[in-house]
Amino acid sequence: MSSNHLRDERAIAFLKRAGVTPPPLLTSEDPPLVLNKITKPTKPQITYPAGFVGELAQFICETGYKKQPLYALASALCSVGTVVGQRVMTESGMRSNLYCLVIGPTATGKEHPRRMIDRILTDSGCEALIAGDDISSDVGIVDQLAHTPQLLYLIDEFGKFIKRTQSANASPYVSGILEMLMKLYGLADGTYRGGWTKTNTQTQRQIINQPHVCLYATTTPEQFWPMISTDLVSNGFLNRFFVFQNDDEQPLEQEVSISSIPAFIRDRFKQLYRLPRVPLGCDPAYPQPITIAMETEARECLREAMKEWKEKSLDQTNKARDLWKRANDMCRKVALILSSAGLSEGGISTIGLTHLEWSVRLVNTLCDNACDKAQLYLGSTNHER
């Protein structure tokens, strides 16, 4: 009898004494047990929504050397969500601030949508909303918001960015970035009040009403998922993100040429940017967004989806079940963006059944994929992984 078999027999005897039914021992005739952390590649198929967001995503997709419909959709939602920030809200006060994370293999077209967001916003007169391609400190975010309360960060190498903030050698200003992003995500309909600081002449603090921060980040699976611990899932960091992952290493290559931004896209962004943040004559420091109501059929559709999301968030067999806890918020945000994308000054829009059904499908697809990936790496230590 081998030493391994002897240890197995002793373990079984111990379990029997404890009243636990042990699993059967593997024999030479049993198939080998394979422990594999690799699942089938994620290649989600999502159709574009009707309306401006879908048209914008289609343009971004068709102008990229590597055809990446999913990445183009992420950039379209994030750019529109940025521009209508502080201008629209749902009846419950939900805003259009999104954190979009694009994950894919290297050299597969992640850069193109990011560049197109920059080009489109710049050509449309919305360049002031672009915060930059890096975040140096938590204080830096607040300082930028104090000058421009709507911001869009376009960050590449996001996995390395998280690693830098989680490093044991990181300064408090850097290690506090993720916590600041989490805090601001939930304050889009509230007020940020910073700590008191003392200068040579006075004591003061930053107060920002309804700060609107959007994030479009890109990374590779190898850089990002190993950085995700149980804490980053359970504390609500990861479930604030729309995770757009495509593992296709050979996306379709297209014949493209440098093209100008179509007039209908520039004009639409200009119109959205001109939507009033506050009524005429009111204090600009206190935004008063337009309320976009939800139609009855859409409300019923959302209510049914919420039942399913609640069940998934309580599934004890899913280590990444916390990702479903914000599915309701995510769905409402997307539906709000789809509805408000066609809004004009003085116009009226509602969240209809079509907006809601498409938003539910998107959230289900993204959350399912993110849960599958996160479960492979969950654990606070390398040993747990």
Protein backbone atom coordinates (compact mmCIF):
# COMPACT_ATOMS: atom_id res chain seq x y z
CA MET A 1 0.00 0.00 0.00
CA SER A 2 1.40 3.40 -0.97
CA SER A 3 1.88 6.17 1.58
CA ASN A 4 -0.71 8.31 -0.26
CA HIS A 5 -3.29 5.52 -0.06
CA LEU A 6 -2.56 5.01 3.63
CA ARG A 7 -3.14 8.72 4.31
CA ASP A 8 -6.44 8.53 2.40
CA GLU A 9 -7.58 5.53 4.50
CA ARG A 10 -6.74 7.36 7.73
CA ALA A 11 -8.63 10.44 6.55
CA ILE A 12 -11.69 8.33 5.72
CA ALA A 13 -11.58 6.68 9.14
CA PHE A 14 -11.43 10.11 10.79
CA LEU A 15 -14.43 11.34 8.80
CA LYS A 16 -16.45 8.25 9.73
CA ARG A 17 -15.74 8.77 13.43
CA ALA A 18 -16.94 12.39 13.00
CA GLY A 19 -20.18 11.17 11.43
CA VAL A 20 -19.34 12.50 7.95
CA THR A 21 -19.87 10.36 4.86
CA PRO A 22 -16.56 10.45 2.94
CA PRO A 23 -16.35 10.56 -0.86
CA PRO A 24 -15.26 7.33 -2.58
CA LEU A 25 -11.58 6.87 -3.34
CA LEU A 26 -10.50 7.16 -6.95
CA THR A 27 -9.31 3.89 -8.47
CA SER A 28 -7.06 3.25 -11.40
CA GLU A 29 -10.15 2.76 -13.55
CA ASP A 30 -11.55 6.20 -12.75
CA PRO A 31 -10.83 9.08 -15.17
CA PRO A 32 -8.11 11.44 -13.98
CA LEU A 33 -9.24 14.47 -12.00
CA VAL A 34 -8.42 17.63 -13.94
CA LEU A 35 -8.20 20.94 -12.11
CA ASN A 36 -8.24 23.60 -14.76
CA LYS A 37 -8.71 27.35 -14.25
CA ILE A 38 -9.30 27.93 -17.94
CA THR A 39 -12.87 28.14 -19.20
CA LYS A 40 -14.05 28.51 -22.75
CA PRO A 41 -13.17 31.92 -24.21
CA THR A 42 -15.71 34.68 -23.70
CA LYS A 43 -17.04 35.95 -27.04
CA PRO A 44 -20.39 37.55 -26.20
CA GLN A 45 -22.76 38.42 -29.02
CA ILE A 46 -24.78 41.56 -28.34
CA THR A 47 -26.89 43.41 -30.87
CA TYR A 48 -26.82 47.20 -30.79
CA PRO A 49 -29.82 49.10 -29.44
CA ALA A 50 -32.02 51.18 -31.71
CA GLY A 51 -31.33 54.89 -31.66
CA PHE A 52 -28.31 57.14 -31.31
CA VAL A 53 -26.26 54.92 -28.97
CA GLY A 54 -26.49 52.06 -31.45
CA GLU A 55 -25.59 54.32 -34.38
CA LEU A 56 -22.62 55.72 -32.48
CA ALA A 57 -21.38 52.24 -31.55
CA GLN A 58 -21.72 51.12 -35.17
CA PHE A 59 -19.62 54.04 -36.41
CA ILE A 60 -16.89 53.40 -33.84
CA CYS A 61 -16.89 49.70 -34.68
CA GLU A 62 -16.68 50.23 -38.45
CA THR A 63 -13.77 52.68 -38.21
CA GLY A 64 -11.51 50.35 -36.25
CA TYR A 65 -8.81 48.22 -37.88
CA LYS A 66 -9.87 45.36 -35.60
CA LYS A 67 -13.63 44.85 -35.54
CA GLN A 68 -14.74 44.89 -31.91
CA PRO A 69 -18.51 45.50 -31.60
CA LEU A 70 -18.48 44.96 -27.83
CA TYR A 71 -15.74 47.50 -27.17
CA ALA A 72 -17.47 50.02 -29.43
CA LEU A 73 -20.68 49.61 -27.47
CA ALA A 74 -18.84 50.27 -24.20
CA SER A 75 -17.35 53.48 -25.56
CA ALA A 76 -20.70 54.67 -26.95
CA LEU A 77 -22.53 54.16 -23.64
CA CYS A 78 -19.74 55.75 -21.62
CA SER A 79 -19.39 58.84 -23.82
CA VAL A 80 -23.14 59.56 -23.94
CA GLY A 81 -23.43 58.86 -20.20
CA THR A 82 -20.71 61.44 -19.59
CA VAL A 83 -22.25 64.20 -21.69
CA VAL A 84 -25.77 63.91 -20.24
CA GLY A 85 -24.38 63.88 -16.71
CA GLN A 86 -26.05 66.38 -14.33
CA ARG A 87 -28.70 66.89 -17.03
CA VAL A 88 -30.95 63.84 -16.69
CA MET A 89 -32.03 61.42 -13.99
CA THR A 90 -34.62 58.71 -13.39
CA GLU A 91 -37.60 59.19 -11.09
CA SER A 92 -35.60 57.54 -8.31
CA GLY A 93 -32.65 59.89 -8.85
CA MET A 94 -30.45 57.41 -10.72
CA ARG A 95 -27.80 59.11 -12.88
CA SER A 96 -25.90 58.18 -16.05
CA ASN A 97 -22.41 57.83 -14.54
CA LEU A 98 -20.79 54.59 -15.78
CA TYR A 99 -17.58 52.74 -15.04
CA CYS A 100 -16.85 50.67 -18.15
CA LEU A 101 -14.01 48.15 -18.19
CA VAL A 102 -12.90 46.66 -21.51
CA ILE A 103 -10.90 43.43 -21.17
CA GLY A 104 -9.25 41.63 -24.06
CA PRO A 105 -5.98 40.12 -25.28
CA THR A 106 -3.20 42.44 -26.33
CA ALA A 107 -3.32 43.95 -29.84
CA THR A 108 -7.00 43.16 -30.39
CA GLY A 109 -8.41 46.66 -30.88
CA LYS A 110 -9.00 47.99 -27.36
CA GLU A 111 -7.27 51.29 -28.11
CA HIS A 112 -9.46 52.42 -31.04
CA PRO A 113 -12.72 53.03 -29.12
CA ARG A 114 -10.79 54.94 -26.45
CA ARG A 115 -9.23 57.22 -29.07
CA MET A 116 -12.61 57.69 -30.75
CA ILE A 117 -14.20 58.88 -27.51
CA ASP A 118 -11.49 61.53 -27.28
CA ARG A 119 -11.93 62.58 -30.92
CA ILE A 120 -15.72 62.71 -30.80
CA LEU A 121 -15.93 64.71 -27.59
CA THR A 122 -13.22 67.10 -28.77
CA ASP A 123 -14.84 67.67 -32.18
CA SER A 124 -18.22 68.20 -30.52
CA GLY A 125 -17.00 70.91 -28.16
CA CYS A 126 -17.06 68.65 -25.07
CA GLU A 127 -13.30 68.38 -24.58
CA ALA A 128 -13.53 69.96 -21.12
CA LEU A 129 -15.16 66.74 -19.88
CA ILE A 130 -12.07 64.61 -20.62
CA ALA A 131 -10.17 64.33 -17.35
CA GLY A 132 -7.13 62.55 -18.78
CA ASP A 133 -5.63 59.08 -19.12
CA ASP A 134 -4.32 58.65 -15.58
CA ILE A 135 -5.27 59.32 -11.97
CA SER A 136 -2.35 60.37 -9.81
CA SER A 137 -4.14 60.64 -6.45
CA ASP A 138 -7.50 60.73 -4.72
CA VAL A 139 -6.98 64.42 -4.00
CA GLY A 140 -6.34 65.00 -7.70
CA ILE A 141 -9.79 63.66 -8.56
CA VAL A 142 -11.45 66.05 -6.13
CA ASP A 143 -9.42 69.02 -7.42
CA GLN A 144 -10.48 68.26 -10.99
CA LEU A 145 -14.13 67.90 -9.99
CA ALA A 146 -14.00 71.24 -8.18
CA HIS A 147 -13.28 72.88 -11.54
CA THR A 148 -15.34 70.55 -13.77
CA PRO A 149 -18.02 68.53 -11.93
CA GLN A 150 -18.43 66.23 -14.96
CA LEU A 151 -15.39 64.10 -15.78
CA LEU A 152 -14.48 61.16 -17.98
CA TYR A 153 -11.25 59.25 -17.34
CA LEU A 154 -9.80 57.23 -20.22
CA ILE A 155 -7.36 54.83 -18.59
CA ASP A 156 -5.24 52.20 -20.32
CA GLU A 157 -3.43 49.35 -18.53
CA PHE A 158 -6.08 49.34 -15.79
CA GLY A 159 -4.77 46.11 -14.30
CA LYS A 160 -1.40 47.76 -13.68
CA PHE A 161 -3.24 50.79 -12.32
CA ILE A 162 -5.03 48.65 -9.70
CA LYS A 163 -1.78 46.92 -8.82
CA ARG A 164 -0.17 50.30 -8.20
CA THR A 165 -2.97 51.39 -5.88
CA GLN A 166 -2.88 48.09 -3.95
CA SER A 167 0.88 48.03 -3.49
CA ALA A 168 2.16 47.93 0.08
CA ASN A 169 4.51 50.78 -0.85
CA ALA A 170 1.78 53.01 -2.29
CA SER A 171 1.39 56.43 -0.73
CA PRO A 172 -1.91 57.19 1.04
CA TYR A 173 -2.89 59.47 -1.87
CA VAL A 174 -2.50 56.60 -4.34
CA SER A 175 -3.95 53.82 -2.18
CA GLY A 176 -7.04 55.98 -1.62
CA ILE A 177 -7.89 56.24 -5.34
CA LEU A 178 -10.08 53.13 -5.51
CA GLU A 179 -11.97 54.13 -2.38
CA MET A 180 -12.54 57.61 -3.84
CA LEU A 181 -13.87 56.15 -7.09
CA MET A 182 -16.23 53.91 -5.14
CA LYS A 183 -17.46 56.85 -3.07
CA LEU A 184 -18.03 59.14 -6.05
CA TYR A 185 -19.94 56.46 -7.94
CA GLY A 186 -22.69 56.65 -5.34
CA LEU A 187 -22.62 60.44 -4.96
CA ALA A 188 -23.79 61.37 -8.46
CA ASP A 189 -27.11 62.40 -6.90
CA GLY A 190 -25.60 63.63 -3.64
CA THR A 191 -22.89 65.93 -2.31
CA TYR A 192 -19.20 65.28 -1.80
CA ARG A 193 -17.78 66.98 1.27
CA GLY A 194 -14.04 66.69 1.68
CA GLY A 195 -12.01 66.95 4.84
CA TRP A 196 -10.96 70.27 6.27
CA THR A 197 -7.57 71.57 5.20
CA LYS A 198 -5.69 74.50 6.65
CA THR A 199 -3.75 76.99 4.58
CA ASN A 200 -1.71 79.98 5.69
CA THR A 201 -4.78 82.19 5.73
CA GLN A 202 -7.86 80.00 6.27
CA THR A 203 -9.39 76.61 6.88
CA GLN A 204 -11.51 75.21 4.06
CA ARG A 205 -12.81 72.07 2.37
CA GLN A 206 -14.07 71.03 -1.06
CA ILE A 207 -17.84 70.72 -1.49
CA ILE A 208 -19.08 69.37 -4.83
CA ASN A 209 -22.75 68.95 -5.58
CA GLN A 210 -23.72 65.90 -7.64
CA PRO A 211 -20.21 65.00 -8.86
CA HIS A 212 -20.44 63.05 -12.11
CA VAL A 213 -17.47 60.76 -12.78
CA CYS A 214 -17.33 58.29 -15.66
CA LEU A 215 -14.53 55.85 -16.35
CA TYR A 216 -13.55 54.01 -19.52
CA ALA A 217 -10.67 51.64 -18.81
CA THR A 218 -8.89 48.96 -20.81
CA THR A 219 -6.73 46.03 -19.76
CA THR A 220 -5.80 42.44 -20.56
CA PRO A 221 -7.21 39.41 -18.71
CA GLU A 222 -3.72 38.48 -17.50
CA GLN A 223 -3.23 41.90 -15.92
CA PHE A 224 -6.68 42.35 -14.42
CA TRP A 225 -8.23 39.17 -13.06
CA PRO A 226 -5.26 38.03 -10.92
CA MET A 227 -5.52 41.39 -9.13
CA ILE A 228 -9.14 40.76 -8.12
CA SER A 229 -9.46 39.47 -4.57
CA THR A 230 -12.51 38.52 -2.54
CA ASP A 231 -12.35 41.97 -0.91
CA LEU A 232 -12.64 43.80 -4.24
CA VAL A 233 -15.81 41.83 -4.99
CA SER A 234 -17.44 41.86 -1.56
CA ASN A 235 -16.70 45.56 -0.90
CA GLY A 236 -18.59 46.60 -4.03
CA PHE A 237 -15.66 47.74 -6.15
CA LEU A 238 -16.05 45.28 -9.03
CA ASN A 239 -19.84 45.38 -9.19
CA ARG A 240 -19.68 49.08 -9.95
CA PHE A 241 -18.14 48.19 -13.33
CA PHE A 242 -19.69 47.14 -16.60
CA VAL A 243 -17.17 44.48 -17.66
CA PHE A 244 -16.97 44.14 -21.45
CA GLN A 245 -14.70 41.15 -22.08
CA ASN A 246 -13.93 39.50 -25.40
CA ASP A 247 -11.27 36.79 -25.43
CA ASP A 248 -11.06 36.55 -29.22
CA GLU A 249 -7.35 36.81 -30.07
CA GLN A 250 -8.02 37.09 -33.81
CA PRO A 251 -10.83 39.61 -34.37
CA LEU A 252 -11.85 40.38 -37.91
CA GLU A 253 -9.52 42.88 -39.57
CA GLN A 254 -11.12 45.63 -41.64
CA GLU A 255 -9.95 47.91 -44.41
CA VAL A 256 -10.35 51.37 -42.92
CA SER A 257 -9.12 54.89 -43.55
CA ILE A 258 -8.99 57.93 -41.33
CA SER A 259 -12.43 59.51 -41.50
CA SER A 260 -13.99 62.62 -40.06
CA ILE A 261 -16.68 62.43 -37.41
CA PRO A 262 -20.09 62.42 -39.12
CA ALA A 263 -22.09 65.60 -38.72
CA PHE A 264 -25.05 63.81 -37.13
CA ILE A 265 -22.81 62.53 -34.32
CA ARG A 266 -21.21 65.93 -33.66
CA ASP A 267 -24.59 67.66 -33.75
CA ARG A 268 -26.19 65.16 -31.39
CA PHE A 269 -23.41 65.52 -28.81
CA LYS A 270 -23.64 69.31 -29.06
CA GLN A 271 -27.39 69.14 -28.47
CA LEU A 272 -26.97 66.85 -25.47
CA TYR A 273 -24.24 69.07 -24.03
CA ARG A 274 -26.53 72.10 -24.38
CA LEU A 275 -29.24 70.50 -22.26
CA PRO A 276 -29.61 72.70 -19.18
CA ARG A 277 -27.95 71.61 -15.93
CA VAL A 278 -30.01 74.18 -14.03
CA PRO A 279 -33.05 76.30 -14.92
CA LEU A 280 -32.31 79.80 -16.16
CA GLY A 281 -31.41 82.14 -13.31
CA CYS A 282 -30.66 79.39 -10.76
CA ASP A 283 -27.36 78.75 -8.99
CA PRO A 284 -25.14 76.67 -11.35
CA ALA A 285 -23.51 74.99 -8.35
CA TYR A 286 -26.74 73.05 -7.73
CA PRO A 287 -27.74 70.99 -10.80
CA GLN A 288 -31.42 70.31 -11.36
CA PRO A 289 -31.58 67.49 -13.93
CA ILE A 290 -34.55 66.65 -16.11
CA THR A 291 -36.52 63.66 -14.79
CA ILE A 292 -36.97 60.83 -17.30
CA ALA A 293 -40.00 58.78 -16.29
CA MET A 294 -40.32 55.02 -16.84
CA GLU A 295 -43.37 53.71 -18.67
CA THR A 296 -45.61 51.13 -17.00
CA GLU A 297 -44.63 48.22 -19.26
CA ALA A 298 -40.95 48.96 -18.72
CA ARG A 299 -41.50 49.07 -14.98
CA GLU A 300 -43.12 45.61 -15.06
CA CYS A 301 -40.22 44.26 -17.11
CA LEU A 302 -37.73 45.62 -14.60
CA ARG A 303 -39.68 44.17 -11.68
CA GLU A 304 -39.47 40.66 -13.18
CA ALA A 305 -35.76 41.03 -13.87
CA MET A 306 -35.13 42.17 -10.30
CA LYS A 307 -36.57 38.89 -8.98
CA GLU A 308 -34.05 36.91 -11.01
CA TRP A 309 -31.16 39.18 -10.00
CA LYS A 310 -32.05 38.83 -6.32
CA GLU A 311 -31.97 35.03 -6.60
CA LYS A 312 -28.56 35.15 -8.27
CA SER A 313 -27.19 37.53 -5.65
CA LEU A 314 -28.18 35.03 -2.94
CA ASP A 315 -26.75 31.96 -4.66
CA GLN A 316 -24.30 30.58 -2.11
CA THR A 317 -22.65 28.35 -4.71
CA ASN A 318 -21.48 31.41 -6.67
CA LYS A 319 -18.43 33.01 -5.07
CA ALA A 320 -18.95 36.10 -7.23
CA ARG A 321 -22.68 36.48 -6.41
CA ASP A 322 -22.10 40.02 -5.12
CA LEU A 323 -21.68 41.15 -8.73
CA TRP A 324 -25.45 40.80 -9.14
CA LYS A 325 -26.27 43.17 -6.29
CA ARG A 326 -26.01 46.25 -8.50
CA ALA A 327 -27.69 44.74 -11.57
CA ASN A 328 -30.79 46.85 -10.91
CA ASP A 329 -28.76 50.07 -10.79
CA MET A 330 -26.79 49.13 -13.89
CA CYS A 331 -29.94 48.40 -15.86
CA ARG A 332 -31.56 51.69 -14.89
CA LYS A 333 -28.44 53.63 -15.86
CA VAL A 334 -28.24 52.06 -19.31
CA ALA A 335 -31.97 52.56 -19.94
CA LEU A 336 -31.63 56.20 -18.89
CA ILE A 337 -28.77 56.72 -21.35
CA LEU A 338 -30.67 55.07 -24.22
CA SER A 339 -33.72 57.21 -23.57
CA SER A 340 -31.93 60.53 -23.03
CA ALA A 341 -29.63 60.05 -26.07
CA GLY A 342 -32.49 61.27 -28.26
CA LEU A 343 -33.48 64.16 -26.01
CA SER A 344 -33.42 67.76 -27.24
CA GLU A 345 -33.68 71.00 -25.32
CA GLY A 346 -37.25 71.49 -24.21
CA GLY A 347 -38.16 67.96 -25.31
CA ILE A 348 -39.70 65.13 -23.33
CA SER A 349 -38.51 61.54 -23.22
CA THR A 350 -39.45 58.40 -21.31
CA ILE A 351 -37.82 55.04 -20.62
CA GLY A 352 -39.86 52.62 -22.70
CA LEU A 353 -40.14 48.85 -22.81
CA THR A 354 -37.65 48.63 -25.69
CA HIS A 355 -35.03 50.55 -23.69
CA LEU A 356 -35.57 48.39 -20.64
CA GLU A 357 -35.59 45.00 -22.38
CA TRP A 358 -32.32 45.72 -24.16
CA SER A 359 -30.75 46.98 -20.92
CA VAL A 360 -31.79 43.80 -19.11
CA ARG A 361 -30.21 41.63 -21.82
CA LEU A 362 -26.98 43.62 -21.65
CA VAL A 363 -26.75 43.43 -17.87
CA ASN A 364 -27.48 39.69 -17.85
CA THR A 365 -24.81 39.01 -20.44
CA LEU A 366 -22.12 41.15 -18.80
CA CYS A 367 -22.81 39.97 -15.25
CA ASP A 368 -22.89 36.31 -16.26
CA ASN A 369 -19.54 36.65 -18.03
CA ALA A 370 -17.95 38.65 -15.20
CA CYS A 371 -19.09 36.10 -12.61
CA ASP A 372 -17.61 33.22 -14.61
CA LYS A 373 -14.26 34.98 -14.83
CA ALA A 374 -14.17 36.31 -11.27
CA GLN A 375 -14.85 32.92 -9.72
CA LEU A 376 -11.64 31.57 -11.23
CA TYR A 377 -9.51 34.03 -9.31
CA LEU A 378 -11.45 34.77 -6.15
CA GLY A 379 -9.42 34.56 -2.97
CA SER A 380 -7.60 37.10 -0.86
CA THR A 381 -4.28 35.29 -1.13
CA ASN A 382 -2.37 33.38 -3.77
CA HIS A 383 -2.93 30.21 -1.73
CA GLU A 384 -6.71 30.66 -1.84
CA ARG A 385 -6.56 31.16 -5.59
